[in-house]
Amino acid sequence: MSQTQIDPAARKAWMSLLAKAPAKRLADLWAQNGPSPEHQFLRAPEVGAVMVRGRAGAKGAAFNLGEMTVTRCSVRLSTGADGHAYVQGRDKDKATQAALIDALMQTDQAETIQTRIIDPLETEMKAGKATRAAKAAATKVDFFTMVRGED
């Protein structure tokens, strides 16, 4: 397992996907991948809080909306690849799995991890988004297509 050059945009995409993935589904896919690779913690999973900022109308001045609980983790594989993860909530297992997947995606195992974990998660999340969009579209009312009854 050697470390390979990665595209920062691609890494951003898979890290975002892992952070948003349902914990149970990620755990199921991770379990199917086999045993965890040999690794050490650079930062053991720890729970903390971050301040969430917002903007009125997406244009106004930024304001503090409130705090959100997150769990972060950093690992180093025996190959030297480092993986990092921040996930919403207090799920230390999910943070560890996401960090290990991030690290593995930087090795020659990237194609396998992409096929077994990333692609299924991406497909499921896109399908869920399409389902939600379809439900929302079904409730849409178009007032400009109503015909008046004048002859």
N, C-alpha and C. Protein backbone atom coordinates (compact mmCIF):
# COMPACT_ATOMS: atom_id res chain seq x y z
N MET A 1 0.84 -1.18 0.00
CA MET A 1 0.00 0.00 0.00
C MET A 1 0.88 1.24 0.00
N SER A 2 0.99 1.87 -1.11
CA SER A 2 1.76 3.10 -1.17
C SER A 2 0.83 4.29 -1.25
N GLN A 3 1.32 5.43 -0.81
CA GLN A 3 0.53 6.64 -0.84
C GLN A 3 0.56 7.22 -2.24
N THR A 4 -0.59 7.64 -2.75
CA THR A 4 -0.69 8.16 -4.10
C THR A 4 -1.11 9.62 -4.07
N GLN A 5 -0.88 10.31 -5.21
CA GLN A 5 -1.28 11.71 -5.33
C GLN A 5 -2.80 11.77 -5.51
N ILE A 6 -3.45 12.66 -4.78
CA ILE A 6 -4.91 12.76 -4.85
C ILE A 6 -5.34 14.16 -5.23
N ASP A 7 -6.51 14.24 -5.83
CA ASP A 7 -7.11 15.50 -6.22
C ASP A 7 -7.81 16.09 -4.99
N PRO A 8 -7.47 17.33 -4.60
CA PRO A 8 -8.11 17.92 -3.41
C PRO A 8 -9.63 18.02 -3.53
N ALA A 9 -10.15 18.27 -4.73
CA ALA A 9 -11.61 18.35 -4.91
C ALA A 9 -12.26 16.99 -4.70
N ALA A 10 -11.60 15.94 -5.18
CA ALA A 10 -12.14 14.59 -4.99
C ALA A 10 -12.13 14.22 -3.50
N ARG A 11 -11.06 14.58 -2.82
CA ARG A 11 -10.98 14.27 -1.38
C ARG A 11 -12.06 15.03 -0.61
N LYS A 12 -12.26 16.27 -0.96
CA LYS A 12 -13.31 17.07 -0.33
C LYS A 12 -14.67 16.40 -0.53
N ALA A 13 -14.90 15.87 -1.73
CA ALA A 13 -16.19 15.24 -2.04
C ALA A 13 -16.39 13.98 -1.20
N TRP A 14 -15.36 13.10 -1.11
CA TRP A 14 -15.58 11.87 -0.35
C TRP A 14 -15.65 12.15 1.15
N MET A 15 -14.91 13.14 1.63
CA MET A 15 -14.98 13.45 3.06
C MET A 15 -16.36 14.01 3.41
N SER A 16 -16.92 14.83 2.51
CA SER A 16 -18.27 15.35 2.72
C SER A 16 -19.29 14.22 2.73
N LEU A 17 -19.15 13.32 1.78
CA LEU A 17 -20.06 12.17 1.68
C LEU A 17 -20.00 11.33 2.96
N LEU A 18 -18.80 11.05 3.44
CA LEU A 18 -18.64 10.25 4.65
C LEU A 18 -19.23 10.95 5.87
N ALA A 19 -19.07 12.26 5.94
CA ALA A 19 -19.61 13.01 7.08
C ALA A 19 -21.14 13.00 7.09
N LYS A 20 -21.75 12.99 5.91
CA LYS A 20 -23.21 13.04 5.80
C LYS A 20 -23.86 11.67 5.79
N ALA A 21 -23.09 10.62 5.59
CA ALA A 21 -23.63 9.26 5.47
C ALA A 21 -24.28 8.82 6.77
N PRO A 22 -25.38 8.06 6.66
CA PRO A 22 -25.97 7.49 7.87
C PRO A 22 -24.97 6.55 8.56
N ALA A 23 -24.85 6.67 9.86
CA ALA A 23 -23.85 5.90 10.61
C ALA A 23 -24.03 4.39 10.43
N LYS A 24 -25.26 3.92 10.47
CA LYS A 24 -25.50 2.47 10.35
C LYS A 24 -25.08 1.97 8.97
N ARG A 25 -25.40 2.71 7.93
CA ARG A 25 -25.05 2.27 6.58
C ARG A 25 -23.54 2.26 6.39
N LEU A 26 -22.87 3.31 6.90
CA LEU A 26 -21.41 3.36 6.81
C LEU A 26 -20.79 2.18 7.55
N ALA A 27 -21.32 1.87 8.74
CA ALA A 27 -20.81 0.75 9.52
C ALA A 27 -21.01 -0.58 8.77
N ASP A 28 -22.17 -0.74 8.12
CA ASP A 28 -22.43 -1.97 7.36
C ASP A 28 -21.45 -2.13 6.21
N LEU A 29 -21.24 -1.05 5.45
CA LEU A 29 -20.31 -1.11 4.32
C LEU A 29 -18.88 -1.34 4.81
N TRP A 30 -18.52 -0.70 5.91
CA TRP A 30 -17.18 -0.86 6.48
C TRP A 30 -16.95 -2.30 6.92
N ALA A 31 -17.96 -2.91 7.54
CA ALA A 31 -17.85 -4.29 8.01
C ALA A 31 -17.66 -5.26 6.84
N GLN A 32 -18.29 -4.97 5.71
CA GLN A 32 -18.16 -5.82 4.52
C GLN A 32 -16.76 -5.72 3.91
N ASN A 33 -16.05 -4.65 4.23
CA ASN A 33 -14.72 -4.42 3.66
C ASN A 33 -13.64 -5.28 4.31
N GLY A 34 -13.97 -5.89 5.44
CA GLY A 34 -12.98 -6.72 6.13
C GLY A 34 -12.46 -6.03 7.38
N PRO A 35 -11.42 -6.59 7.97
CA PRO A 35 -10.88 -6.01 9.20
C PRO A 35 -10.24 -4.64 8.97
N SER A 36 -10.21 -3.85 10.02
CA SER A 36 -9.58 -2.53 9.93
C SER A 36 -8.09 -2.68 9.65
N PRO A 37 -7.55 -1.79 8.84
CA PRO A 37 -6.11 -1.86 8.59
C PRO A 37 -5.33 -1.45 9.84
N GLU A 38 -4.07 -1.85 9.88
CA GLU A 38 -3.21 -1.47 10.99
C GLU A 38 -3.06 0.05 10.99
N HIS A 39 -3.31 0.66 12.15
CA HIS A 39 -3.26 2.13 12.23
C HIS A 39 -2.97 2.58 13.65
N GLN A 40 -2.64 3.84 13.77
CA GLN A 40 -2.51 4.47 15.09
C GLN A 40 -3.31 5.76 15.06
N PHE A 41 -3.76 6.17 16.22
CA PHE A 41 -4.51 7.41 16.31
C PHE A 41 -3.56 8.59 16.43
N LEU A 42 -3.72 9.55 15.55
CA LEU A 42 -3.03 10.83 15.71
C LEU A 42 -3.85 11.70 16.67
N ARG A 43 -5.16 11.55 16.56
CA ARG A 43 -6.10 12.20 17.47
C ARG A 43 -7.23 11.21 17.67
N ALA A 44 -7.31 10.63 18.85
CA ALA A 44 -8.37 9.67 19.14
C ALA A 44 -9.72 10.37 18.98
N PRO A 45 -10.78 9.63 18.67
CA PRO A 45 -12.08 10.26 18.50
C PRO A 45 -12.46 11.06 19.73
N GLU A 46 -12.83 12.31 19.52
CA GLU A 46 -13.23 13.16 20.63
C GLU A 46 -14.41 14.02 20.22
N VAL A 47 -15.30 14.23 21.19
CA VAL A 47 -16.52 14.98 20.96
C VAL A 47 -16.29 16.42 21.38
N GLY A 48 -16.80 17.34 20.59
CA GLY A 48 -16.70 18.75 20.91
C GLY A 48 -17.86 19.51 20.28
N ALA A 49 -17.75 20.80 20.27
CA ALA A 49 -18.80 21.64 19.69
C ALA A 49 -18.18 22.67 18.76
N VAL A 50 -18.92 23.03 17.74
CA VAL A 50 -18.50 24.09 16.84
C VAL A 50 -19.63 25.11 16.75
N MET A 51 -19.27 26.35 16.51
CA MET A 51 -20.26 27.40 16.35
C MET A 51 -20.73 27.41 14.90
N VAL A 52 -22.03 27.37 14.72
CA VAL A 52 -22.63 27.41 13.38
C VAL A 52 -23.01 28.86 13.11
N ARG A 53 -22.55 29.36 11.95
CA ARG A 53 -22.84 30.75 11.58
C ARG A 53 -23.88 30.75 10.46
N GLY A 54 -24.67 31.79 10.42
CA GLY A 54 -25.70 31.93 9.40
C GLY A 54 -25.72 33.34 8.84
N ARG A 55 -26.48 33.52 7.77
CA ARG A 55 -26.68 34.84 7.16
C ARG A 55 -28.16 34.98 6.84
N ALA A 56 -28.74 36.10 7.17
CA ALA A 56 -30.14 36.35 6.85
C ALA A 56 -30.26 36.53 5.34
N GLY A 57 -31.12 35.73 4.72
CA GLY A 57 -31.30 35.81 3.28
C GLY A 57 -30.07 35.41 2.49
N ALA A 58 -29.14 34.74 3.12
CA ALA A 58 -27.88 34.30 2.50
C ALA A 58 -27.02 35.46 2.02
N LYS A 59 -27.38 36.67 2.39
CA LYS A 59 -26.62 37.84 1.94
C LYS A 59 -26.21 38.76 3.08
N GLY A 60 -26.96 38.74 4.16
CA GLY A 60 -26.73 39.69 5.24
C GLY A 60 -25.45 39.40 6.01
N ALA A 61 -25.26 40.18 7.05
CA ALA A 61 -24.08 40.00 7.90
C ALA A 61 -24.17 38.66 8.62
N ALA A 62 -23.03 38.01 8.78
CA ALA A 62 -22.99 36.71 9.46
C ALA A 62 -23.32 36.89 10.94
N PHE A 63 -24.03 35.90 11.49
CA PHE A 63 -24.35 35.91 12.91
C PHE A 63 -24.19 34.49 13.45
N ASN A 64 -24.00 34.39 14.76
CA ASN A 64 -23.85 33.08 15.41
C ASN A 64 -25.24 32.47 15.58
N LEU A 65 -25.47 31.36 14.89
CA LEU A 65 -26.77 30.69 14.93
C LEU A 65 -26.88 29.79 16.17
N GLY A 66 -25.81 29.12 16.52
CA GLY A 66 -25.81 28.23 17.68
C GLY A 66 -24.68 27.23 17.58
N GLU A 67 -24.59 26.35 18.55
CA GLU A 67 -23.54 25.34 18.57
C GLU A 67 -24.06 24.00 18.07
N MET A 68 -23.16 23.21 17.50
CA MET A 68 -23.48 21.89 17.00
C MET A 68 -22.41 20.93 17.53
N THR A 69 -22.84 19.76 17.96
CA THR A 69 -21.92 18.74 18.45
C THR A 69 -21.27 18.02 17.27
N VAL A 70 -19.95 17.86 17.33
CA VAL A 70 -19.22 17.13 16.30
C VAL A 70 -18.21 16.20 16.97
N THR A 71 -17.84 15.17 16.23
CA THR A 71 -16.79 14.25 16.68
C THR A 71 -15.70 14.26 15.63
N ARG A 72 -14.46 14.37 16.06
CA ARG A 72 -13.34 14.38 15.11
C ARG A 72 -12.40 13.24 15.44
N CYS A 73 -11.66 12.84 14.41
CA CYS A 73 -10.70 11.75 14.57
C CYS A 73 -9.63 11.88 13.49
N SER A 74 -8.41 11.54 13.82
CA SER A 74 -7.31 11.49 12.86
C SER A 74 -6.53 10.21 13.08
N VAL A 75 -6.21 9.53 11.97
CA VAL A 75 -5.48 8.27 12.05
C VAL A 75 -4.29 8.29 11.08
N ARG A 76 -3.34 7.42 11.33
CA ARG A 76 -2.22 7.20 10.41
C ARG A 76 -2.11 5.69 10.19
N LEU A 77 -2.18 5.30 8.93
CA LEU A 77 -2.02 3.89 8.59
C LEU A 77 -0.55 3.50 8.69
N SER A 78 -0.29 2.22 8.73
CA SER A 78 1.08 1.74 8.79
C SER A 78 1.86 2.14 7.53
N THR A 79 1.14 2.47 6.45
CA THR A 79 1.77 2.91 5.21
C THR A 79 2.19 4.38 5.26
N GLY A 80 1.72 5.10 6.28
CA GLY A 80 2.05 6.51 6.40
C GLY A 80 0.94 7.44 5.95
N ALA A 81 -0.12 6.91 5.37
CA ALA A 81 -1.25 7.75 4.93
C ALA A 81 -2.04 8.22 6.14
N ASP A 82 -2.34 9.51 6.18
CA ASP A 82 -3.14 10.10 7.25
C ASP A 82 -4.57 10.28 6.80
N GLY A 83 -5.51 10.01 7.70
CA GLY A 83 -6.92 10.22 7.43
C GLY A 83 -7.54 11.04 8.53
N HIS A 84 -8.47 11.90 8.14
CA HIS A 84 -9.13 12.79 9.09
C HIS A 84 -10.63 12.75 8.87
N ALA A 85 -11.39 13.01 9.92
CA ALA A 85 -12.84 13.06 9.79
C ALA A 85 -13.44 13.95 10.87
N TYR A 86 -14.47 14.66 10.47
CA TYR A 86 -15.35 15.40 11.37
C TYR A 86 -16.76 14.96 11.02
N VAL A 87 -17.51 14.48 12.01
CA VAL A 87 -18.88 14.05 11.77
C VAL A 87 -19.80 14.70 12.79
N GLN A 88 -21.03 14.95 12.36
CA GLN A 88 -22.02 15.56 13.25
C GLN A 88 -22.42 14.55 14.32
N GLY A 89 -22.58 15.02 15.53
CA GLY A 89 -23.04 14.17 16.62
C GLY A 89 -21.90 13.61 17.45
N ARG A 90 -22.22 12.55 18.19
CA ARG A 90 -21.28 11.97 19.16
C ARG A 90 -20.86 10.56 18.81
N ASP A 91 -20.84 10.23 17.53
CA ASP A 91 -20.56 8.86 17.10
C ASP A 91 -19.06 8.68 16.85
N LYS A 92 -18.37 8.15 17.85
CA LYS A 92 -16.92 7.96 17.75
C LYS A 92 -16.56 6.86 16.74
N ASP A 93 -17.40 5.83 16.64
CA ASP A 93 -17.13 4.77 15.66
C ASP A 93 -17.23 5.30 14.24
N LYS A 94 -18.25 6.10 13.97
CA LYS A 94 -18.40 6.67 12.63
C LYS A 94 -17.21 7.57 12.29
N ALA A 95 -16.77 8.38 13.24
CA ALA A 95 -15.62 9.26 13.00
C ALA A 95 -14.36 8.45 12.71
N THR A 96 -14.17 7.36 13.44
CA THR A 96 -13.00 6.50 13.21
C THR A 96 -13.07 5.84 11.85
N GLN A 97 -14.23 5.29 11.50
CA GLN A 97 -14.40 4.65 10.20
C GLN A 97 -14.18 5.64 9.06
N ALA A 98 -14.73 6.83 9.20
CA ALA A 98 -14.58 7.86 8.15
C ALA A 98 -13.11 8.25 8.00
N ALA A 99 -12.39 8.38 9.11
CA ALA A 99 -10.97 8.73 9.05
C ALA A 99 -10.16 7.61 8.40
N LEU A 100 -10.48 6.35 8.73
CA LEU A 100 -9.78 5.22 8.11
C LEU A 100 -10.06 5.15 6.60
N ILE A 101 -11.30 5.40 6.22
CA ILE A 101 -11.65 5.40 4.79
C ILE A 101 -10.92 6.52 4.08
N ASP A 102 -10.86 7.70 4.70
CA ASP A 102 -10.12 8.82 4.10
C ASP A 102 -8.66 8.43 3.88
N ALA A 103 -8.05 7.79 4.86
CA ALA A 103 -6.66 7.37 4.73
C ALA A 103 -6.50 6.32 3.63
N LEU A 104 -7.39 5.34 3.60
CA LEU A 104 -7.30 4.28 2.58
C LEU A 104 -7.51 4.82 1.17
N MET A 105 -8.30 5.88 1.04
CA MET A 105 -8.53 6.49 -0.27
C MET A 105 -7.27 7.17 -0.81
N GLN A 106 -6.27 7.31 0.03
CA GLN A 106 -5.01 7.92 -0.39
C GLN A 106 -3.94 6.86 -0.66
N THR A 107 -4.34 5.60 -0.69
CA THR A 107 -3.41 4.51 -0.94
C THR A 107 -3.80 3.79 -2.22
N ASP A 108 -3.09 2.72 -2.52
CA ASP A 108 -3.42 1.94 -3.71
C ASP A 108 -4.71 1.13 -3.53
N GLN A 109 -5.33 1.19 -2.38
CA GLN A 109 -6.62 0.55 -2.14
C GLN A 109 -7.80 1.46 -2.50
N ALA A 110 -7.50 2.65 -3.01
CA ALA A 110 -8.54 3.64 -3.28
C ALA A 110 -9.64 3.12 -4.20
N GLU A 111 -9.26 2.42 -5.25
CA GLU A 111 -10.26 1.93 -6.21
C GLU A 111 -11.22 0.94 -5.55
N THR A 112 -10.69 0.06 -4.71
CA THR A 112 -11.52 -0.91 -4.00
C THR A 112 -12.47 -0.21 -3.03
N ILE A 113 -11.95 0.74 -2.26
CA ILE A 113 -12.77 1.48 -1.30
C ILE A 113 -13.83 2.29 -2.04
N GLN A 114 -13.43 2.89 -3.17
CA GLN A 114 -14.38 3.66 -3.98
C GLN A 114 -15.56 2.78 -4.40
N THR A 115 -15.25 1.58 -4.89
CA THR A 115 -16.27 0.66 -5.39
C THR A 115 -17.14 0.09 -4.27
N ARG A 116 -16.52 -0.29 -3.16
CA ARG A 116 -17.25 -0.96 -2.08
C ARG A 116 -17.97 -0.03 -1.12
N ILE A 117 -17.47 1.19 -0.94
CA ILE A 117 -18.04 2.07 0.08
C ILE A 117 -18.54 3.40 -0.49
N ILE A 118 -17.67 4.13 -1.18
CA ILE A 118 -18.02 5.47 -1.64
C ILE A 118 -19.14 5.45 -2.67
N ASP A 119 -19.00 4.62 -3.71
CA ASP A 119 -20.02 4.58 -4.77
C ASP A 119 -21.40 4.19 -4.25
N PRO A 120 -21.52 3.12 -3.42
CA PRO A 120 -22.85 2.80 -2.89
C PRO A 120 -23.45 3.93 -2.05
N LEU A 121 -22.63 4.57 -1.22
CA LEU A 121 -23.12 5.69 -0.41
C LEU A 121 -23.61 6.83 -1.31
N GLU A 122 -22.82 7.14 -2.33
CA GLU A 122 -23.18 8.23 -3.23
C GLU A 122 -24.48 7.93 -3.97
N THR A 123 -24.63 6.71 -4.45
CA THR A 123 -25.85 6.30 -5.15
C THR A 123 -27.06 6.41 -4.24
N GLU A 124 -26.94 5.91 -3.02
CA GLU A 124 -28.05 5.95 -2.06
C GLU A 124 -28.41 7.38 -1.67
N MET A 125 -27.41 8.23 -1.49
CA MET A 125 -27.70 9.60 -1.10
C MET A 125 -28.35 10.38 -2.24
N LYS A 126 -27.92 10.13 -3.48
CA LYS A 126 -28.56 10.77 -4.64
C LYS A 126 -30.00 10.31 -4.79
N ALA A 127 -30.24 9.01 -4.57
CA ALA A 127 -31.61 8.48 -4.66
C ALA A 127 -32.50 9.10 -3.59
N GLY A 128 -31.97 9.24 -2.39
CA GLY A 128 -32.73 9.87 -1.31
C GLY A 128 -33.05 11.32 -1.60
N LYS A 129 -32.09 12.02 -2.18
CA LYS A 129 -32.31 13.42 -2.55
C LYS A 129 -33.37 13.53 -3.64
N ALA A 130 -33.33 12.62 -4.62
CA ALA A 130 -34.32 12.63 -5.70
C ALA A 130 -35.72 12.33 -5.15
N THR A 131 -35.81 11.41 -4.20
CA THR A 131 -37.10 11.06 -3.59
C THR A 131 -37.67 12.26 -2.85
N ARG A 132 -36.83 12.95 -2.08
CA ARG A 132 -37.29 14.13 -1.35
C ARG A 132 -37.73 15.23 -2.32
N ALA A 133 -36.99 15.40 -3.42
CA ALA A 133 -37.34 16.41 -4.41
C ALA A 133 -38.67 16.07 -5.08
N ALA A 134 -38.88 14.79 -5.36
CA ALA A 134 -40.15 14.37 -5.98
C ALA A 134 -41.33 14.61 -5.04
N LYS A 135 -41.14 14.31 -3.75
CA LYS A 135 -42.22 14.56 -2.78
C LYS A 135 -42.52 16.05 -2.69
N ALA A 136 -41.50 16.87 -2.70
CA ALA A 136 -41.70 18.32 -2.63
C ALA A 136 -42.38 18.82 -3.90
N ALA A 137 -41.99 18.29 -5.05
CA ALA A 137 -42.59 18.72 -6.32
C ALA A 137 -44.06 18.34 -6.39
N ALA A 138 -44.44 17.23 -5.77
CA ALA A 138 -45.83 16.78 -5.78
C ALA A 138 -46.75 17.75 -5.04
N THR A 139 -46.20 18.54 -4.13
CA THR A 139 -47.02 19.48 -3.36
C THR A 139 -47.01 20.88 -3.96
N LYS A 140 -46.28 21.06 -5.05
CA LYS A 140 -46.16 22.37 -5.68
C LYS A 140 -47.47 22.75 -6.37
N VAL A 141 -47.90 23.97 -6.18
CA VAL A 141 -49.10 24.48 -6.81
C VAL A 141 -48.69 25.58 -7.78
N ASP A 142 -49.13 25.46 -9.04
CA ASP A 142 -48.82 26.47 -10.05
C ASP A 142 -50.07 27.30 -10.29
N PHE A 143 -50.16 28.46 -9.67
CA PHE A 143 -51.35 29.30 -9.75
C PHE A 143 -51.52 29.93 -11.11
N PHE A 144 -50.51 29.97 -11.91
CA PHE A 144 -50.58 30.66 -13.19
C PHE A 144 -51.12 29.78 -14.31
N THR A 145 -51.49 28.55 -14.03
CA THR A 145 -52.07 27.68 -15.05
C THR A 145 -53.57 27.51 -14.89
N MET A 146 -54.15 28.18 -13.91
CA MET A 146 -55.60 28.07 -13.69
C MET A 146 -56.33 28.84 -14.80
N VAL A 147 -57.40 28.26 -15.31
CA VAL A 147 -58.16 28.88 -16.38
C VAL A 147 -59.39 29.53 -15.78
N ARG A 148 -59.65 30.76 -16.20
CA ARG A 148 -60.85 31.46 -15.74
C ARG A 148 -62.05 30.96 -16.53
N GLY A 149 -63.19 30.99 -15.96
CA GLY A 149 -64.39 30.45 -16.59
C GLY A 149 -65.16 31.46 -17.43
N GLU A 150 -64.52 32.41 -18.04
CA GLU A 150 -65.23 33.41 -18.88
C GLU A 150 -65.29 32.94 -20.32
N ASP A 151 -66.46 33.11 -20.96
CA ASP A 151 -66.60 32.77 -22.37
C ASP A 151 -66.97 33.98 -23.17
